[in-house]
């Protein structure tokens, strides 16, 4: 299992954007489609303390937030070191 996890859904532009950034940076991730699996949606809510929006992204078990949060980490130069700490 990848140390980057993304809870996502079909036709979600923010999910697509977050996954595109991860792919662009060359990072593998495990994707959980919460629209197809209600148990994954509940798991996401528990892990995020109640978040209902997608995507929700975890790196090495740490909740980093959604798409905007992922891009903010990248802009600040914090995404690569965070991912590097798991490899």
N, C-alpha and C. Protein backbone atom coordinates (compact mmCIF):
# COMPACT_ATOMS: atom_id res chain seq x y z
N UNK A 1 0.84 -1.19 0.00
CA UNK A 1 0.00 0.00 0.00
C UNK A 1 0.88 1.25 0.00
N UNK A 2 0.48 2.23 -0.77
CA UNK A 2 1.19 3.50 -0.85
C UNK A 2 1.06 4.26 0.47
N UNK A 3 2.04 5.09 0.74
CA UNK A 3 1.97 5.93 1.94
C UNK A 3 1.25 7.24 1.67
N UNK A 4 0.79 7.42 0.44
CA UNK A 4 -0.07 8.56 0.10
C UNK A 4 -1.44 7.97 -0.22
N UNK A 5 -2.44 8.46 0.49
CA UNK A 5 -3.80 7.99 0.29
C UNK A 5 -4.69 9.18 -0.04
N UNK A 6 -5.60 8.95 -0.98
CA UNK A 6 -6.53 10.01 -1.35
C UNK A 6 -7.93 9.43 -1.42
N UNK A 7 -8.82 10.03 -0.65
CA UNK A 7 -10.24 9.70 -0.71
C UNK A 7 -10.84 10.61 -1.77
N UNK A 8 -11.47 10.02 -2.77
CA UNK A 8 -11.94 10.81 -3.91
C UNK A 8 -13.28 10.30 -4.41
N UNK A 9 -13.70 10.88 -5.52
CA UNK A 9 -14.94 10.47 -6.15
C UNK A 9 -14.89 10.76 -7.64
N UNK A 10 -15.81 10.13 -8.36
CA UNK A 10 -15.91 10.34 -9.79
C UNK A 10 -16.39 11.76 -10.09
N UNK A 11 -15.90 12.32 -11.16
CA UNK A 11 -16.35 13.62 -11.66
C UNK A 11 -16.09 14.77 -10.69
N UNK A 12 -15.13 14.60 -9.81
CA UNK A 12 -14.78 15.64 -8.84
C UNK A 12 -13.57 16.40 -9.39
N UNK A 13 -13.75 17.65 -9.79
CA UNK A 13 -12.62 18.39 -10.38
C UNK A 13 -11.48 18.61 -9.39
N UNK A 14 -11.78 18.76 -8.12
CA UNK A 14 -10.73 18.95 -7.13
C UNK A 14 -9.93 17.67 -6.92
N UNK A 15 -10.61 16.54 -6.99
CA UNK A 15 -9.93 15.24 -6.90
C UNK A 15 -8.99 15.06 -8.08
N UNK A 16 -9.48 15.39 -9.27
CA UNK A 16 -8.66 15.27 -10.47
C UNK A 16 -7.44 16.17 -10.39
N UNK A 17 -7.63 17.37 -9.88
CA UNK A 17 -6.53 18.32 -9.77
C UNK A 17 -5.49 17.84 -8.76
N UNK A 18 -5.94 17.32 -7.63
CA UNK A 18 -5.01 16.80 -6.62
C UNK A 18 -4.23 15.61 -7.15
N UNK A 19 -4.92 14.69 -7.82
CA UNK A 19 -4.25 13.52 -8.38
C UNK A 19 -3.27 13.92 -9.48
N UNK A 20 -3.62 14.94 -10.24
CA UNK A 20 -2.72 15.42 -11.30
C UNK A 20 -1.42 15.96 -10.70
N UNK A 21 -1.51 16.69 -9.60
CA UNK A 21 -0.30 17.20 -8.95
C UNK A 21 0.57 16.06 -8.45
N UNK A 22 -0.05 15.08 -7.82
CA UNK A 22 0.71 13.93 -7.32
C UNK A 22 1.40 13.20 -8.47
N UNK A 23 0.67 13.00 -9.56
CA UNK A 23 1.25 12.33 -10.73
C UNK A 23 2.38 13.16 -11.33
N UNK A 24 2.15 14.48 -11.42
CA UNK A 24 3.17 15.38 -11.99
C UNK A 24 4.46 15.31 -11.18
N UNK A 25 4.34 15.16 -9.89
CA UNK A 25 5.51 15.09 -9.02
C UNK A 25 6.11 13.68 -8.99
N UNK A 26 5.41 12.72 -9.61
CA UNK A 26 5.92 11.35 -9.67
C UNK A 26 5.61 10.52 -8.45
N UNK A 27 4.58 10.89 -7.70
CA UNK A 27 4.24 10.18 -6.47
C UNK A 27 3.14 9.16 -6.73
N UNK A 28 3.34 7.96 -6.25
CA UNK A 28 2.29 6.94 -6.29
C UNK A 28 1.35 7.17 -5.12
N UNK A 29 0.11 6.78 -5.30
CA UNK A 29 -0.86 6.94 -4.24
C UNK A 29 -1.90 5.83 -4.32
N UNK A 30 -2.57 5.63 -3.22
CA UNK A 30 -3.69 4.70 -3.16
C UNK A 30 -4.95 5.54 -3.13
N UNK A 31 -5.88 5.21 -3.99
CA UNK A 31 -7.12 5.99 -4.11
C UNK A 31 -8.30 5.18 -3.58
N UNK A 32 -9.13 5.83 -2.79
CA UNK A 32 -10.37 5.23 -2.29
C UNK A 32 -11.54 6.05 -2.81
N UNK A 33 -12.40 5.44 -3.60
CA UNK A 33 -13.55 6.14 -4.17
C UNK A 33 -14.71 6.04 -3.18
N UNK A 34 -14.99 7.15 -2.52
CA UNK A 34 -16.04 7.15 -1.49
C UNK A 34 -17.44 7.15 -2.08
N UNK A 35 -17.56 7.45 -3.37
CA UNK A 35 -18.88 7.42 -4.00
C UNK A 35 -19.30 6.00 -4.33
N UNK A 36 -18.33 5.11 -4.45
CA UNK A 36 -18.63 3.72 -4.78
C UNK A 36 -18.65 2.82 -3.54
N UNK A 37 -18.11 3.31 -2.44
CA UNK A 37 -17.98 2.47 -1.25
C UNK A 37 -18.30 3.29 0.00
N UNK A 38 -19.50 3.10 0.54
CA UNK A 38 -19.93 3.85 1.72
C UNK A 38 -19.04 3.61 2.93
N UNK A 39 -18.46 2.41 3.03
CA UNK A 39 -17.58 2.14 4.17
C UNK A 39 -16.32 3.01 4.09
N UNK A 40 -15.86 3.30 2.88
CA UNK A 40 -14.71 4.19 2.72
C UNK A 40 -15.07 5.62 3.09
N UNK A 41 -16.30 6.04 2.78
CA UNK A 41 -16.75 7.39 3.16
C UNK A 41 -16.76 7.53 4.68
N UNK A 42 -17.27 6.51 5.36
CA UNK A 42 -17.31 6.54 6.82
C UNK A 42 -15.89 6.51 7.40
N UNK A 43 -15.04 5.70 6.80
CA UNK A 43 -13.64 5.65 7.22
C UNK A 43 -12.99 7.03 7.08
N UNK A 44 -13.27 7.72 5.97
CA UNK A 44 -12.74 9.05 5.73
C UNK A 44 -13.22 10.02 6.81
N UNK A 45 -14.49 9.96 7.13
CA UNK A 45 -15.04 10.86 8.16
C UNK A 45 -14.37 10.64 9.50
N UNK A 46 -14.15 9.37 9.85
CA UNK A 46 -13.51 9.06 11.12
C UNK A 46 -12.07 9.55 11.13
N UNK A 47 -11.34 9.27 10.07
CA UNK A 47 -9.92 9.64 10.01
C UNK A 47 -9.71 11.15 9.97
N UNK A 48 -10.70 11.89 9.45
CA UNK A 48 -10.56 13.35 9.33
C UNK A 48 -11.32 14.11 10.40
N UNK A 49 -11.90 13.40 11.34
CA UNK A 49 -12.72 14.02 12.39
C UNK A 49 -13.92 14.75 11.82
N UNK A 50 -14.53 14.14 10.79
CA UNK A 50 -15.80 14.65 10.31
C UNK A 50 -15.84 15.28 8.93
N UNK A 51 -14.74 15.32 8.21
CA UNK A 51 -14.75 15.95 6.89
C UNK A 51 -15.73 15.22 5.97
N UNK A 52 -16.46 15.99 5.18
CA UNK A 52 -17.43 15.42 4.25
C UNK A 52 -17.08 15.68 2.79
N UNK A 53 -16.16 16.60 2.56
CA UNK A 53 -15.81 16.96 1.19
C UNK A 53 -14.64 16.12 0.70
N UNK A 54 -14.58 15.98 -0.60
CA UNK A 54 -13.46 15.26 -1.21
C UNK A 54 -12.72 16.21 -2.14
N UNK A 55 -11.45 15.99 -2.33
CA UNK A 55 -10.65 14.91 -1.81
C UNK A 55 -10.20 15.17 -0.37
N UNK A 56 -9.81 14.10 0.30
CA UNK A 56 -9.12 14.17 1.58
C UNK A 56 -7.85 13.35 1.41
N UNK A 57 -6.73 13.96 1.75
CA UNK A 57 -5.44 13.37 1.44
C UNK A 57 -4.64 13.13 2.71
N UNK A 58 -4.00 11.96 2.73
CA UNK A 58 -3.14 11.56 3.84
C UNK A 58 -1.77 11.21 3.29
N UNK A 59 -0.74 11.69 3.98
CA UNK A 59 0.63 11.32 3.63
C UNK A 59 1.27 10.73 4.88
N UNK A 60 1.67 9.47 4.76
CA UNK A 60 2.26 8.74 5.88
C UNK A 60 1.34 8.76 7.10
N UNK A 61 0.04 8.62 6.85
CA UNK A 61 -0.94 8.60 7.93
C UNK A 61 -1.33 9.97 8.44
N UNK A 62 -0.66 11.01 7.99
CA UNK A 62 -0.96 12.39 8.43
C UNK A 62 -1.97 13.01 7.48
N UNK A 63 -3.05 13.53 8.05
CA UNK A 63 -4.07 14.19 7.24
C UNK A 63 -3.54 15.55 6.82
N UNK A 64 -3.40 15.75 5.50
CA UNK A 64 -2.91 17.04 5.01
C UNK A 64 -4.04 17.92 4.49
N UNK A 65 -5.25 17.36 4.38
CA UNK A 65 -6.39 18.16 3.95
C UNK A 65 -6.84 17.82 2.55
N UNK A 66 -7.36 18.84 1.88
CA UNK A 66 -7.92 18.67 0.54
C UNK A 66 -6.99 19.17 -0.55
N UNK A 67 -7.56 19.41 -1.69
CA UNK A 67 -6.80 19.83 -2.87
C UNK A 67 -6.04 21.13 -2.63
N UNK A 68 -6.73 22.14 -2.13
CA UNK A 68 -6.08 23.43 -1.90
C UNK A 68 -4.94 23.30 -0.90
N UNK A 69 -5.13 22.47 0.12
CA UNK A 69 -4.09 22.25 1.12
C UNK A 69 -2.87 21.57 0.50
N UNK A 70 -3.11 20.61 -0.38
CA UNK A 70 -2.03 19.91 -1.06
C UNK A 70 -1.22 20.89 -1.92
N UNK A 71 -1.91 21.73 -2.67
CA UNK A 71 -1.23 22.72 -3.50
C UNK A 71 -0.48 23.74 -2.65
N UNK A 72 -1.04 24.11 -1.51
CA UNK A 72 -0.35 25.05 -0.61
C UNK A 72 0.95 24.44 -0.08
N UNK A 73 0.90 23.16 0.29
CA UNK A 73 2.12 22.47 0.73
C UNK A 73 3.17 22.49 -0.38
N UNK A 74 2.72 22.24 -1.59
CA UNK A 74 3.65 22.22 -2.72
C UNK A 74 4.25 23.60 -2.96
N UNK A 75 3.43 24.65 -2.92
CA UNK A 75 3.92 26.02 -3.13
C UNK A 75 4.94 26.43 -2.08
N UNK A 76 4.73 25.98 -0.85
CA UNK A 76 5.65 26.32 0.25
C UNK A 76 6.90 25.44 0.25
N UNK A 77 6.96 24.48 -0.66
CA UNK A 77 8.10 23.59 -0.72
C UNK A 77 8.09 22.52 0.35
N UNK A 78 6.93 22.26 0.95
CA UNK A 78 6.83 21.29 2.03
C UNK A 78 6.33 19.92 1.59
N UNK A 79 5.80 19.83 0.38
CA UNK A 79 5.27 18.55 -0.09
C UNK A 79 6.38 17.54 -0.34
N UNK A 80 7.40 17.91 -1.06
CA UNK A 80 8.49 16.99 -1.37
C UNK A 80 9.18 16.45 -0.12
N UNK A 81 9.54 17.32 0.85
CA UNK A 81 10.17 16.78 2.06
C UNK A 81 9.22 15.83 2.84
N UNK A 82 7.94 16.13 2.84
CA UNK A 82 6.98 15.29 3.55
C UNK A 82 6.92 13.92 2.88
N UNK A 83 6.85 13.90 1.57
CA UNK A 83 6.81 12.64 0.85
C UNK A 83 8.15 11.92 0.97
N UNK A 84 9.24 12.65 0.92
CA UNK A 84 10.57 12.04 1.03
C UNK A 84 10.76 11.35 2.37
N UNK A 85 10.08 11.84 3.40
CA UNK A 85 10.22 11.25 4.73
C UNK A 85 9.60 9.85 4.81
N UNK A 86 8.82 9.48 3.79
CA UNK A 86 8.17 8.16 3.83
C UNK A 86 8.84 7.17 2.88
N UNK A 87 9.76 7.64 2.08
CA UNK A 87 10.38 6.74 1.10
C UNK A 87 11.69 6.17 1.57
